[in-house]
Protein backbone atom coordinates (compact mmCIF):
# COMPACT_ATOMS: atom_id res chain seq x y z
CA MET A 1 -20.66 10.52 45.57
CA LEU A 2 -19.73 14.10 46.28
CA ASP A 3 -17.13 14.08 43.51
CA ALA A 4 -19.67 12.59 41.10
CA GLY A 5 -22.19 15.32 41.99
CA LEU A 6 -24.71 12.90 43.46
CA LEU A 7 -24.69 14.36 47.00
CA ARG A 8 -24.46 17.84 48.51
CA SER A 9 -24.20 19.02 52.07
CA GLY A 10 -27.47 20.23 53.52
CA GLY A 11 -25.80 21.57 56.64
CA PRO A 12 -23.73 20.09 59.44
CA GLY A 13 -24.29 16.31 59.47
CA VAL A 14 -26.97 16.49 56.76
CA TRP A 15 -26.53 15.15 53.24
CA GLU A 16 -28.95 15.51 50.37
CA LEU A 17 -29.23 13.78 47.02
CA THR A 18 -28.87 16.13 44.08
CA ARG A 19 -31.09 15.85 40.98
CA ALA A 20 -28.27 13.76 39.46
CA GLY A 21 -28.32 11.62 42.61
CA TYR A 22 -32.05 10.98 42.26
CA ASP A 23 -31.58 10.18 38.56
CA ALA A 24 -28.81 7.70 39.42
CA LEU A 25 -31.03 6.14 42.11
CA ASP A 26 -33.92 5.79 39.64
CA ALA A 27 -31.57 4.18 37.07
CA PHE A 28 -30.27 1.79 39.74
CA ARG A 29 -33.79 0.80 40.79
CA ALA A 30 -34.80 0.21 37.16
CA ALA A 31 -31.72 -1.94 36.53
CA LEU A 32 -32.37 -3.91 39.73
CA ALA A 33 -36.01 -4.50 38.78
CA ALA A 34 -34.98 -5.64 35.29
CA SER A 35 -32.39 -7.99 36.77
CA GLU A 36 -34.90 -9.47 39.21
CA ALA A 37 -37.48 -9.89 36.43
CA SER A 38 -34.89 -11.63 34.27
CA GLU A 39 -33.91 -13.98 37.10
CA ALA A 40 -37.57 -14.78 37.78
CA SER A 41 -38.16 -15.46 34.09
CA GLU A 42 -35.14 -17.77 33.91
CA ALA A 43 -36.29 -19.62 37.02
CA THR A 44 -39.79 -20.06 35.56
CA GLU A 45 -38.39 -21.32 32.27
CA ALA A 46 -36.11 -23.78 34.08
CA SER A 47 -39.00 -25.01 36.20
CA GLU A 48 -41.24 -25.44 33.16
CA ALA A 49 -38.49 -27.27 31.28
CA GLN A 50 -37.94 -29.58 34.22
CA SER A 51 -41.66 -30.31 34.64
CA SER A 52 -42.12 -31.02 30.94
CA ALA A 53 -39.15 -33.38 30.77
CA PRO A 54 -40.13 -37.03 30.27
CA ALA A 55 -40.20 -38.99 33.49
CA GLU A 56 -37.79 -41.78 34.08
CA PRO A 57 -39.40 -45.19 34.73
CA GLY A 58 -38.77 -44.97 38.49
CA ASP A 59 -39.85 -41.29 38.79
CA VAL A 60 -43.62 -41.86 39.01
CA GLU A 61 -45.10 -40.30 42.11
CA PRO A 62 -47.66 -42.42 44.00
CA ASP A 63 -50.43 -39.83 43.37
CA ASP A 64 -49.62 -39.89 39.65
CA ALA A 65 -49.62 -43.68 39.35
CA GLU A 66 -52.36 -45.26 37.31
CA PRO A 67 -54.67 -47.60 39.20
CA PRO A 68 -54.03 -51.31 38.61
CA THR A 69 -56.14 -52.86 35.89
CA ALA A 70 -57.81 -56.22 36.32
């Protein structure tokens, strides 16, 4: 990080982010947020696709069953 110009020494045992370091951190956070949003969107789409799939004959839940007709 020193070689890339992202950190500088602020004194003995103290390290500081440079402006380039803060910019890199902001870019990383934005990429992470975009990745998490994409994963959440894919999970939602998969869940919606699964819930809209036609049920198999034996897949009826007891609460979803129609009452017997006389």
